[in-house]
Amino acid sequence: GYVGEDIESVIAKLLQDANYSVDRAQTGIVFLDEVDKIGAVPGIHQLRDVGGEGVQQGMLKMLEGTIVNVPERNSPRKLRGETVQVDTTNILFVASGAYNGLDRLVSRRKNEKYLGFGAPASESEGRRAASLADLANQSAAVSAEEDNKEKDAFLRQVEARDLIDFGMIPEFVGRFPVLVPFHSLNQELLVRILTEPKNAMVLQFQILFRMDKVELTFTQDALKAIAGQAMERKTGARGLRAIMEKLLLEPMFEIPGSDIVSVHITEDVVGGKESPVYIRGKPLDEGEQMEMRAK
């Protein structure tokens, strides 16, 4: 990232990751995350352009191909001593962002096209109109799954003009010729995120409970219910931890100093209809825990 620093820091980090090999850096890949946050929002930050149009303008040369002077290894940046020249012409730049409300801009554009009347949305109204449309949409009685399908359908039709309406300047958008929309996370994918990665969230909590010699188990319906809550809140995968923390707060207070050997989480527990199921008995030793996990 480059927030709070000059744009040269992007190439400096690339050079560092390439072990200060200029040839490797010049054919590297730079991933710019959350570029939607540098979209210009008219009427906001008029006196001080905080990460808005100014940052986009400053990145144009680097994206198109230019020579960037990067301080040498061990050279203090403030002294501006010896520098290394890095040509950005052959560097692949990938930009990503959430672009919340972009689907509403696409929807409005498509509706205007089909209706055949109404003035096109001006750039100054783009993101604000998208935000208002999102607020109005919250009252619609549609499920999270249907809402995601509708959103994905519009994002598949996104064009450069929609990004410009959102607040990106035309010159910046024009330097990214390929637009790739990602589909929303559905319930099945969220369940997989909970259980399948090497550091999966369910596994993290199971390890935490095992420190007190307690087994933690979830039914498949419970995992689906957790994923369903994240979809309803529109928090995506990042919202899973907050749901899990709240769900397991009571057991984490009950376990220390107790005779609880197992905690079982069901769909009704996730829905708040009942408390977690506690199985009590003498604490399991290491061999018994391994035997239980094998079963």
C-alpha atoms as a PDB file:
ATOM      1  CA  GLY A   1       0.000   0.000   0.000  1.00  0.00           C
ATOM      2  CA  TYR A   2       0.967   3.606  -0.349  1.00  0.00           C
ATOM      3  CA  VAL A   3      -1.352   5.376   2.099  1.00  0.00           C
ATOM      4  CA  GLY A   4       0.624   8.010   3.975  1.00  0.00           C
ATOM      5  CA  GLU A   5       3.710   7.609   1.765  1.00  0.00           C
ATOM      6  CA  ASP A   6       4.717   8.687  -1.716  1.00  0.00           C
ATOM      7  CA  ILE A   7       3.852   6.453  -4.636  1.00  0.00           C
ATOM      8  CA  GLU A   8       7.510   5.450  -5.077  1.00  0.00           C
ATOM      9  CA  SER A   9       7.065   3.242  -2.016  1.00  0.00           C
ATOM     10  CA  VAL A  10       5.011   0.799  -4.141  1.00  0.00           C
ATOM     11  CA  ILE A  11       7.983   0.148  -6.434  1.00  0.00           C
ATOM     12  CA  ALA A  12      10.399   0.240  -3.500  1.00  0.00           C
ATOM     13  CA  LYS A  13       8.475  -2.596  -1.851  1.00  0.00           C
ATOM     14  CA  LEU A  14       8.491  -4.552  -5.111  1.00  0.00           C
ATOM     15  CA  LEU A  15      12.269  -4.113  -5.397  1.00  0.00           C
ATOM     16  CA  GLN A  16      12.696  -5.257  -1.821  1.00  0.00           C
ATOM     17  CA  ASP A  17      10.600  -8.399  -2.453  1.00  0.00           C
ATOM     18  CA  ALA A  18      12.729  -9.089  -5.551  1.00  0.00           C
ATOM     19  CA  ASN A  19      15.806  -9.113  -3.297  1.00  0.00           C
ATOM     20  CA  TYR A  20      16.910  -5.832  -4.899  1.00  0.00           C
ATOM     21  CA  SER A  21      17.229  -7.435  -8.339  1.00  0.00           C
ATOM     22  CA  VAL A  22      16.180  -4.708 -10.787  1.00  0.00           C
ATOM     23  CA  ASP A  23      15.631  -7.195 -13.637  1.00  0.00           C
ATOM     24  CA  ARG A  24      13.226  -9.283 -11.526  1.00  0.00           C
ATOM     25  CA  ALA A  25      11.426  -6.213 -10.201  1.00  0.00           C
ATOM     26  CA  GLN A  26      10.883  -4.855 -13.722  1.00  0.00           C
ATOM     27  CA  THR A  27       8.898  -7.977 -14.653  1.00  0.00           C
ATOM     28  CA  GLY A  28       7.097  -8.244 -11.322  1.00  0.00           C
ATOM     29  CA  ILE A  29       3.457  -7.997 -10.290  1.00  0.00           C
ATOM     30  CA  VAL A  30       2.079  -5.165  -8.159  1.00  0.00           C
ATOM     31  CA  PHE A  31      -1.284  -5.758  -6.478  1.00  0.00           C
ATOM     32  CA  LEU A  32      -3.074  -2.569  -5.444  1.00  0.00           C
ATOM     33  CA  ASP A  33      -5.848  -3.413  -3.003  1.00  0.00           C
ATOM     34  CA  GLU A  34      -8.808  -1.202  -2.035  1.00  0.00           C
ATOM     35  CA  VAL A  35      -8.346   1.217  -4.938  1.00  0.00           C
ATOM     36  CA  ASP A  36     -12.045   2.069  -4.642  1.00  0.00           C
ATOM     37  CA  LYS A  37     -11.069   4.066  -1.532  1.00  0.00           C
ATOM     38  CA  ILE A  38      -9.162   6.562  -3.705  1.00  0.00           C
ATOM     39  CA  GLY A  39     -12.240   7.373  -5.766  1.00  0.00           C
ATOM     40  CA  ALA A  40     -13.017  11.084  -5.743  1.00  0.00           C
ATOM     41  CA  VAL A  41     -16.191  11.858  -3.798  1.00  0.00           C
ATOM     42  CA  PRO A  42     -17.551  15.266  -4.890  1.00  0.00           C
ATOM     43  CA  GLY A  43     -18.481  17.537  -2.003  1.00  0.00           C
ATOM     44  CA  ILE A  44     -16.141  15.739   0.383  1.00  0.00           C
ATOM     45  CA  HIS A  45     -12.504  16.653   1.154  1.00  0.00           C
ATOM     46  CA  GLN A  46     -12.708  19.670  -1.130  1.00  0.00           C
ATOM     47  CA  LEU A  47      -9.982  21.496   0.805  1.00  0.00           C
ATOM     48  CA  ARG A  48      -7.744  18.480   1.361  1.00  0.00           C
ATOM     49  CA  ASP A  49      -7.693  15.673  -1.165  1.00  0.00           C
ATOM     50  CA  VAL A  50      -7.152  12.697   1.122  1.00  0.00           C
ATOM     51  CA  GLY A  51      -6.408   9.669  -1.056  1.00  0.00           C
ATOM     52  CA  GLY A  52      -8.731  10.851  -3.819  1.00  0.00           C
ATOM     53  CA  GLU A  53      -8.218  12.173  -7.316  1.00  0.00           C
ATOM     54  CA  GLY A  54      -4.715  13.415  -6.505  1.00  0.00           C
ATOM     55  CA  VAL A  55      -3.494   9.888  -5.764  1.00  0.00           C
ATOM     56  CA  GLN A  56      -5.024   8.597  -8.999  1.00  0.00           C
ATOM     57  CA  GLN A  57      -3.305  11.371 -10.974  1.00  0.00           C
ATOM     58  CA  GLY A  58      -0.016  10.592  -9.277  1.00  0.00           C
ATOM     59  CA  MET A  59      -0.199   6.918 -10.261  1.00  0.00           C
ATOM     60  CA  LEU A  60      -0.848   7.463 -13.978  1.00  0.00           C
ATOM     61  CA  LYS A  61       2.792   7.650 -15.069  1.00  0.00           C
ATOM     62  CA  MET A  62       3.732   4.605 -13.018  1.00  0.00           C
ATOM     63  CA  LEU A  63       0.889   2.570 -14.523  1.00  0.00           C
ATOM     64  CA  GLU A  64       1.664   3.607 -18.091  1.00  0.00           C
ATOM     65  CA  GLY A  65       5.400   3.013 -17.828  1.00  0.00           C
ATOM     66  CA  THR A  66       8.072   5.328 -16.483  1.00  0.00           C
ATOM     67  CA  ILE A  67      11.415   5.313 -14.708  1.00  0.00           C
ATOM     68  CA  VAL A  68      11.009   5.393 -10.933  1.00  0.00           C
ATOM     69  CA  ASN A  69      13.985   6.325  -8.777  1.00  0.00           C
ATOM     70  CA  VAL A  70      14.055   4.070  -5.728  1.00  0.00           C
ATOM     71  CA  PRO A  71      16.524   4.580  -2.847  1.00  0.00           C
ATOM     72  CA  GLU A  72      19.241   1.932  -2.740  1.00  0.00           C
ATOM     73  CA  ARG A  73      19.304  -0.707  -0.023  1.00  0.00           C
ATOM     74  CA  ASN A  74      20.377   0.775   3.337  1.00  0.00           C
ATOM     75  CA  SER A  75      20.016   4.291   1.919  1.00  0.00           C
ATOM     76  CA  PRO A  76      17.889   6.528   4.186  1.00  0.00           C
ATOM     77  CA  ARG A  77      14.961   7.828   2.141  1.00  0.00           C
ATOM     78  CA  LYS A  78      15.121  11.303   3.686  1.00  0.00           C
ATOM     79  CA  LEU A  79      18.703  11.814   2.551  1.00  0.00           C
ATOM     80  CA  ARG A  80      17.831  11.019  -1.079  1.00  0.00           C
ATOM     81  CA  GLY A  81      21.290   9.642  -1.733  1.00  0.00           C
ATOM     82  CA  GLU A  82      22.055   6.929  -4.273  1.00  0.00           C
ATOM     83  CA  THR A  83      19.010   5.638  -6.128  1.00  0.00           C
ATOM     84  CA  VAL A  84      18.144   2.667  -8.321  1.00  0.00           C
ATOM     85  CA  GLN A  85      16.172   3.249 -11.517  1.00  0.00           C
ATOM     86  CA  VAL A  86      13.272   0.854 -12.092  1.00  0.00           C
ATOM     87  CA  ASP A  87      11.345   0.839 -15.382  1.00  0.00           C
ATOM     88  CA  THR A  88       7.655   0.114 -14.736  1.00  0.00           C
ATOM     89  CA  THR A  89       6.758  -0.529 -18.410  1.00  0.00           C
ATOM     90  CA  ASN A  90       6.682  -4.337 -18.069  1.00  0.00           C
ATOM     91  CA  ILE A  91       5.320  -4.507 -14.524  1.00  0.00           C
ATOM     92  CA  LEU A  92       1.845  -6.035 -14.278  1.00  0.00           C
ATOM     93  CA  PHE A  93      -0.460  -3.883 -12.155  1.00  0.00           C
ATOM     94  CA  VAL A  94      -3.571  -5.507 -10.679  1.00  0.00           C
ATOM     95  CA  ALA A  95      -6.083  -3.305  -8.854  1.00  0.00           C
ATOM     96  CA  SER A  96      -8.958  -4.526  -6.716  1.00  0.00           C
ATOM     97  CA  GLY A  97     -11.661  -3.079  -4.517  1.00  0.00           C
ATOM     98  CA  ALA A  98     -15.057  -3.780  -2.995  1.00  0.00           C
ATOM     99  CA  TYR A  99     -16.791  -0.949  -4.915  1.00  0.00           C
ATOM    100  CA  ASN A 100     -19.865  -1.052  -2.703  1.00  0.00           C
ATOM    101  CA  GLY A 101     -22.843   0.289  -4.642  1.00  0.00           C
ATOM    102  CA  LEU A 102     -21.302  -0.221  -8.083  1.00  0.00           C
ATOM    103  CA  ASP A 103     -24.019  -2.713  -8.980  1.00  0.00           C
ATOM    104  CA  ARG A 104     -26.612   0.028  -8.388  1.00  0.00           C
ATOM    105  CA  LEU A 105     -24.839   2.288 -10.848  1.00  0.00           C
ATOM    106  CA  VAL A 106     -24.930  -0.483 -13.454  1.00  0.00           C
ATOM    107  CA  SER A 107     -28.607  -1.088 -12.694  1.00  0.00           C
ATOM    108  CA  ARG A 108     -29.438   2.581 -13.102  1.00  0.00           C
ATOM    109  CA  ARG A 109     -27.510   2.792 -16.377  1.00  0.00           C
ATOM    110  CA  LYS A 110     -29.303  -0.260 -17.770  1.00  0.00           C
ATOM    111  CA  ASN A 111     -32.695   1.079 -16.696  1.00  0.00           C
ATOM    112  CA  GLU A 112     -32.046   4.474 -18.280  1.00  0.00           C
ATOM    113  CA  LYS A 113     -31.028   2.766 -21.506  1.00  0.00           C
ATOM    114  CA  TYR A 114     -34.198   0.688 -21.673  1.00  0.00           C
ATOM    115  CA  LEU A 115     -36.565   3.445 -20.561  1.00  0.00           C
ATOM    116  CA  GLY A 116     -35.183   5.897 -23.087  1.00  0.00           C
ATOM    117  CA  PHE A 117     -35.631   9.023 -21.001  1.00  0.00           C
ATOM    118  CA  GLY A 118     -33.956  10.797 -18.114  1.00  0.00           C
ATOM    119  CA  ALA A 119     -30.613  12.572 -18.137  1.00  0.00           C
ATOM    120  CA  PRO A 120     -27.555  10.356 -17.745  1.00  0.00           C
ATOM    121  CA  ALA A 121     -26.056  10.298 -14.290  1.00  0.00           C
ATOM    122  CA  SER A 122     -23.395  12.933 -13.884  1.00  0.00           C
ATOM    123  CA  GLU A 123     -20.041  12.026 -12.395  1.00  0.00           C
ATOM    124  CA  SER A 124     -20.749  14.240  -9.377  1.00  0.00           C
ATOM    125  CA  GLU A 125     -23.785  12.149  -8.447  1.00  0.00           C
ATOM    126  CA  GLY A 126     -22.333   8.694  -9.005  1.00  0.00           C
ATOM    127  CA  ARG A 127     -21.189   7.323  -5.672  1.00  0.00           C
ATOM    128  CA  ARG A 128     -23.701   9.327  -3.627  1.00  0.00           C
ATOM    129  CA  ALA A 129     -26.566   7.997  -5.764  1.00  0.00           C
ATOM    130  CA  ALA A 130     -25.236   4.469  -5.342  1.00  0.00           C
ATOM    131  CA  SER A 131     -25.172   4.904  -1.568  1.00  0.00           C
ATOM    132  CA  LEU A 132     -28.760   6.187  -1.478  1.00  0.00           C
ATOM    133  CA  ALA A 133     -29.910   3.336  -3.704  1.00  0.00           C
ATOM    134  CA  ASP A 134     -28.284   0.838  -1.345  1.00  0.00           C
ATOM    135  CA  LEU A 135     -30.156   2.326   1.632  1.00  0.00           C
ATOM    136  CA  ALA A 136     -33.453   2.086  -0.227  1.00  0.00           C
ATOM    137  CA  ASN A 137     -32.699  -1.471  -1.254  1.00  0.00           C
ATOM    138  CA  GLN A 138     -32.328  -2.617   2.359  1.00  0.00           C
ATOM    139  CA  SER A 139     -36.100  -2.418   2.818  1.00  0.00           C
ATOM    140  CA  ALA A 140     -36.744  -4.898   0.017  1.00  0.00           C
ATOM    141  CA  ALA A 141     -38.006  -8.275   1.232  1.00  0.00           C
ATOM    142  CA  VAL A 142     -35.439 -10.427  -0.531  1.00  0.00           C
ATOM    143  CA  SER A 143     -33.118 -13.011   0.909  1.00  0.00           C
ATOM    144  CA  ALA A 144     -29.386 -12.456   1.052  1.00  0.00           C
ATOM    145  CA  GLU A 145     -28.860 -15.212  -1.510  1.00  0.00           C
ATOM    146  CA  GLU A 146     -31.247 -13.594  -4.020  1.00  0.00           C
ATOM    147  CA  ASP A 147     -29.727 -10.186  -3.369  1.00  0.00           C
ATOM    148  CA  ASN A 148     -26.242 -11.539  -4.115  1.00  0.00           C
ATOM    149  CA  LYS A 149     -27.440 -13.173  -7.345  1.00  0.00           C
ATOM    150  CA  GLU A 150     -28.968  -9.891  -8.501  1.00  0.00           C
ATOM    151  CA  LYS A 151     -25.790  -8.000  -7.567  1.00  0.00           C
ATOM    152  CA  ASP A 152     -23.572 -10.490  -9.412  1.00  0.00           C
ATOM    153  CA  ALA A 153     -25.764 -10.261 -12.517  1.00  0.00           C
ATOM    154  CA  PHE A 154     -25.271  -6.480 -12.675  1.00  0.00           C
ATOM    155  CA  LEU A 155     -21.531  -6.638 -11.931  1.00  0.00           C
ATOM    156  CA  ARG A 156     -21.050  -8.992 -14.884  1.00  0.00           C
ATOM    157  CA  GLN A 157     -22.167  -6.064 -17.075  1.00  0.00           C
ATOM    158  CA  VAL A 158     -19.891  -3.438 -15.499  1.00  0.00           C
ATOM    159  CA  GLU A 159     -18.209  -1.013 -17.900  1.00  0.00           C
ATOM    160  CA  ALA A 160     -15.549   1.681 -17.605  1.00  0.00           C
ATOM    161  CA  ARG A 161     -18.219   4.395 -17.466  1.00  0.00           C
ATOM    162  CA  ASP A 162     -19.630   2.864 -14.270  1.00  0.00           C
ATOM    163  CA  LEU A 163     -16.232   3.107 -12.555  1.00  0.00           C
ATOM    164  CA  ILE A 164     -15.985   6.722 -13.693  1.00  0.00           C
ATOM    165  CA  ASP A 165     -19.432   7.448 -12.233  1.00  0.00           C
ATOM    166  CA  PHE A 166     -18.188   5.819  -9.023  1.00  0.00           C
ATOM    167  CA  GLY A 167     -15.410   8.394  -8.740  1.00  0.00           C
ATOM    168  CA  MET A 168     -12.426   6.979 -10.633  1.00  0.00           C
ATOM    169  CA  ILE A 169     -10.913   9.357 -13.176  1.00  0.00           C
ATOM    170  CA  PRO A 170     -11.102   8.278 -16.864  1.00  0.00           C
ATOM    171  CA  GLU A 171      -7.312   8.243 -17.286  1.00  0.00           C
ATOM    172  CA  PHE A 172      -6.912   5.835 -14.372  1.00  0.00           C
ATOM    173  CA  VAL A 173      -9.688   3.509 -15.561  1.00  0.00           C
ATOM    174  CA  GLY A 174      -8.280   3.519 -19.085  1.00  0.00           C
ATOM    175  CA  ARG A 175      -5.008   2.040 -17.871  1.00  0.00           C
ATOM    176  CA  PHE A 176      -6.793  -1.117 -16.711  1.00  0.00           C
ATOM    177  CA  PRO A 177      -8.192  -2.668 -19.930  1.00  0.00           C
ATOM    178  CA  VAL A 178      -9.530  -5.855 -18.313  1.00  0.00           C
ATOM    179  CA  LEU A 179     -12.362  -5.754 -15.756  1.00  0.00           C
ATOM    180  CA  VAL A 180     -13.031  -8.936 -13.790  1.00  0.00           C
ATOM    181  CA  PRO A 181     -15.997  -9.024 -11.358  1.00  0.00           C
ATOM    182  CA  PHE A 182     -15.844 -11.595  -8.554  1.00  0.00           C
ATOM    183  CA  HIS A 183     -19.045 -13.356  -7.548  1.00  0.00           C
ATOM    184  CA  SER A 184     -20.406 -12.927  -4.022  1.00  0.00           C
ATOM    185  CA  LEU A 185     -19.716 -15.470  -1.311  1.00  0.00           C
ATOM    186  CA  ASN A 186     -22.660 -17.830  -0.913  1.00  0.00           C
ATOM    187  CA  GLN A 187     -23.499 -20.009   2.080  1.00  0.00           C
ATOM    188  CA  GLU A 188     -21.564 -23.016   0.796  1.00  0.00           C
ATOM    189  CA  LEU A 189     -18.373 -21.003   0.279  1.00  0.00           C
ATOM    190  CA  LEU A 190     -18.634 -19.409   3.720  1.00  0.00           C
ATOM    191  CA  VAL A 191     -18.943 -22.870   5.319  1.00  0.00           C
ATOM    192  CA  ARG A 192     -15.817 -23.947   3.443  1.00  0.00           C
ATOM    193  CA  ILE A 193     -13.996 -20.836   4.696  1.00  0.00           C
ATOM    194  CA  LEU A 194     -14.989 -21.815   8.232  1.00  0.00           C
ATOM    195  CA  THR A 195     -13.666 -25.367   7.962  1.00  0.00           C
ATOM    196  CA  GLU A 196     -11.230 -25.997   5.101  1.00  0.00           C
ATOM    197  CA  PRO A 197      -8.250 -23.589   5.221  1.00  0.00           C
ATOM    198  CA  LYS A 198      -5.103 -24.575   7.082  1.00  0.00           C
ATOM    199  CA  ASN A 199      -5.878 -21.996   9.768  1.00  0.00           C
ATOM    200  CA  ALA A 200      -9.669 -22.372   9.519  1.00  0.00           C
ATOM    201  CA  MET A 201     -11.659 -20.499  12.144  1.00  0.00           C
ATOM    202  CA  VAL A 202     -13.391 -23.609  13.490  1.00  0.00           C
ATOM    203  CA  LEU A 203     -10.004 -25.285  13.925  1.00  0.00           C
ATOM    204  CA  GLN A 204      -8.638 -22.210  15.728  1.00  0.00           C
ATOM    205  CA  PHE A 205     -11.406 -22.350  18.313  1.00  0.00           C
ATOM    206  CA  GLN A 206     -11.091 -26.132  18.652  1.00  0.00           C
ATOM    207  CA  ILE A 207      -7.384 -25.736  19.444  1.00  0.00           C
ATOM    208  CA  LEU A 208      -8.237 -22.986  21.945  1.00  0.00           C
ATOM    209  CA  PHE A 209     -10.734 -25.258  23.711  1.00  0.00           C
ATOM    210  CA  ARG A 210      -8.288 -28.188  23.705  1.00  0.00           C
ATOM    211  CA  MET A 211      -5.943 -26.101  25.821  1.00  0.00           C
ATOM    212  CA  ASP A 212      -8.542 -26.687  28.587  1.00  0.00           C
ATOM    213  CA  LYS A 213      -8.893 -30.343  27.519  1.00  0.00           C
ATOM    214  CA  VAL A 214     -12.339 -29.700  26.030  1.00  0.00           C
ATOM    215  CA  GLU A 215     -13.582 -30.917  22.663  1.00  0.00           C
ATOM    216  CA  LEU A 216     -15.589 -28.442  20.528  1.00  0.00           C
ATOM    217  CA  THR A 217     -17.901 -29.814  17.837  1.00  0.00           C
ATOM    218  CA  PHE A 218     -20.343 -28.257  15.364  1.00  0.00           C
ATOM    219  CA  THR A 219     -23.161 -29.868  13.414  1.00  0.00           C
ATOM    220  CA  GLN A 220     -23.217 -29.173   9.675  1.00  0.00           C
ATOM    221  CA  ASP A 221     -26.501 -27.286  10.125  1.00  0.00           C
ATOM    222  CA  ALA A 222     -24.836 -25.100  12.753  1.00  0.00           C
ATOM    223  CA  LEU A 223     -22.066 -24.156  10.324  1.00  0.00           C
ATOM    224  CA  LYS A 224     -24.681 -23.326   7.677  1.00  0.00           C
ATOM    225  CA  ALA A 225     -26.544 -21.157  10.189  1.00  0.00           C
ATOM    226  CA  ILE A 226     -23.329 -19.240  11.026  1.00  0.00           C
ATOM    227  CA  ALA A 227     -22.716 -18.680   7.310  1.00  0.00           C
ATOM    228  CA  GLY A 228     -26.346 -17.601   6.894  1.00  0.00           C
ATOM    229  CA  GLN A 229     -25.977 -14.963   9.605  1.00  0.00           C
ATOM    230  CA  ALA A 230     -22.871 -13.560   7.899  1.00  0.00           C
ATOM    231  CA  MET A 231     -24.812 -13.305   4.634  1.00  0.00           C
ATOM    232  CA  GLU A 232     -27.756 -11.571   6.297  1.00  0.00           C
ATOM    233  CA  ARG A 233     -25.429  -9.013   7.887  1.00  0.00           C
ATOM    234  CA  LYS A 234     -23.659  -8.509   4.542  1.00  0.00           C
ATOM    235  CA  THR A 235     -20.293  -8.755   6.312  1.00  0.00           C
ATOM    236  CA  GLY A 236     -18.880 -11.584   4.182  1.00  0.00           C
ATOM    237  CA  ALA A 237     -16.051 -13.768   5.438  1.00  0.00           C
ATOM    238  CA  ARG A 238     -14.740 -11.033   7.754  1.00  0.00           C
ATOM    239  CA  GLY A 239     -17.975 -11.170   9.739  1.00  0.00           C
ATOM    240  CA  LEU A 240     -17.578 -14.855  10.606  1.00  0.00           C
ATOM    241  CA  ARG A 241     -15.175 -14.209  13.486  1.00  0.00           C
ATOM    242  CA  ALA A 242     -17.526 -11.790  15.242  1.00  0.00           C
ATOM    243  CA  ILE A 243     -20.353 -14.350  15.010  1.00  0.00           C
ATOM    244  CA  MET A 244     -18.112 -17.146  16.323  1.00  0.00           C
ATOM    245  CA  GLU A 245     -16.783 -15.002  19.184  1.00  0.00           C
ATOM    246  CA  LYS A 246     -20.290 -14.106  20.326  1.00  0.00           C
ATOM    247  CA  LEU A 247     -21.478 -17.708  19.952  1.00  0.00           C
ATOM    248  CA  LEU A 248     -18.648 -19.203  21.995  1.00  0.00           C
ATOM    249  CA  LEU A 249     -18.373 -16.447  24.603  1.00  0.00           C
ATOM    250  CA  GLU A 250     -20.503 -18.325  27.158  1.00  0.00           C
ATOM    251  CA  PRO A 251     -18.611 -21.649  26.837  1.00  0.00           C
ATOM    252  CA  MET A 252     -15.263 -19.869  27.137  1.00  0.00           C
ATOM    253  CA  PHE A 253     -16.373 -18.477  30.505  1.00  0.00           C
ATOM    254  CA  GLU A 254     -18.004 -21.719  31.677  1.00  0.00           C
ATOM    255  CA  ILE A 255     -15.121 -24.080  30.909  1.00  0.00           C
ATOM    256  CA  PRO A 256     -12.237 -22.909  33.164  1.00  0.00           C
ATOM    257  CA  GLY A 257     -12.325 -24.807  36.470  1.00  0.00           C
ATOM    258  CA  SER A 258     -15.361 -26.901  35.474  1.00  0.00           C
ATOM    259  CA  ASP A 259     -15.847 -30.599  34.695  1.00  0.00           C
ATOM    260  CA  ILE A 260     -16.907 -29.870  31.087  1.00  0.00           C
ATOM    261  CA  VAL A 261     -15.177 -32.200  28.625  1.00  0.00           C
ATOM    262  CA  SER A 262     -17.081 -31.369  25.437  1.00  0.00           C
ATOM    263  CA  VAL A 263     -19.129 -28.513  23.939  1.00  0.00           C
ATOM    264  CA  HIS A 264     -21.548 -29.245  21.118  1.00  0.00           C
ATOM    265  CA  ILE A 265     -22.969 -26.454  18.910  1.00  0.00           C
ATOM    266  CA  THR A 266     -26.210 -27.045  17.015  1.00  0.00           C
ATOM    267  CA  GLU A 267     -28.321 -24.941  14.667  1.00  0.00           C
ATOM    268  CA  ASP A 268     -30.645 -23.944  17.538  1.00  0.00           C
ATOM    269  CA  VAL A 269     -27.637 -22.759  19.549  1.00  0.00           C
ATOM    270  CA  VAL A 270     -26.571 -20.505  16.674  1.00  0.00           C
ATOM    271  CA  GLY A 271     -30.126 -19.202  16.372  1.00  0.00           C
ATOM    272  CA  GLY A 272     -30.229 -18.353  20.086  1.00  0.00           C
ATOM    273  CA  LYS A 273     -33.022 -20.839  20.825  1.00  0.00           C
ATOM    274  CA  GLU A 274     -30.963 -22.856  23.294  1.00  0.00           C
ATOM    275  CA  SER A 275     -27.649 -22.843  25.132  1.00  0.00           C
ATOM    276  CA  PRO A 276     -24.606 -24.825  24.002  1.00  0.00           C
ATOM    277  CA  VAL A 277     -24.717 -28.524  24.867  1.00  0.00           C
ATOM    278  CA  TYR A 278     -22.200 -29.318  27.639  1.00  0.00           C
ATOM    279  CA  ILE A 279     -20.954 -32.846  28.258  1.00  0.00           C
ATOM    280  CA  ARG A 280     -19.480 -33.273  31.707  1.00  0.00           C
ATOM    281  CA  GLY A 281     -17.190 -35.881  33.195  1.00  0.00           C
ATOM    282  CA  LYS A 282     -13.592 -36.370  34.195  1.00  0.00           C
ATOM    283  CA  PRO A 283     -11.146 -34.404  31.991  1.00  0.00           C
ATOM    284  CA  LEU A 284      -9.774 -36.330  29.018  1.00  0.00           C
ATOM    285  CA  ASP A 285      -6.064 -37.114  28.917  1.00  0.00           C
ATOM    286  CA  GLU A 286      -4.032 -36.770  25.719  1.00  0.00           C
ATOM    287  CA  GLY A 287      -4.566 -40.383  24.654  1.00  0.00           C
ATOM    288  CA  GLU A 288      -8.335 -40.150  25.060  1.00  0.00           C
ATOM    289  CA  GLN A 289      -8.456 -36.926  23.054  1.00  0.00           C
ATOM    290  CA  MET A 290      -6.560 -38.566  20.199  1.00  0.00           C
ATOM    291  CA  GLU A 291      -8.905 -41.564  20.324  1.00  0.00           C
ATOM    292  CA  MET A 292     -11.995 -39.301  20.241  1.00  0.00           C
ATOM    293  CA  ARG A 293     -10.648 -37.355  17.255  1.00  0.00           C
ATOM    294  CA  ALA A 294      -9.875 -40.611  15.426  1.00  0.00           C
ATOM    295  CA  LYS A 295     -13.476 -41.739  15.847  1.00  0.00           C
END
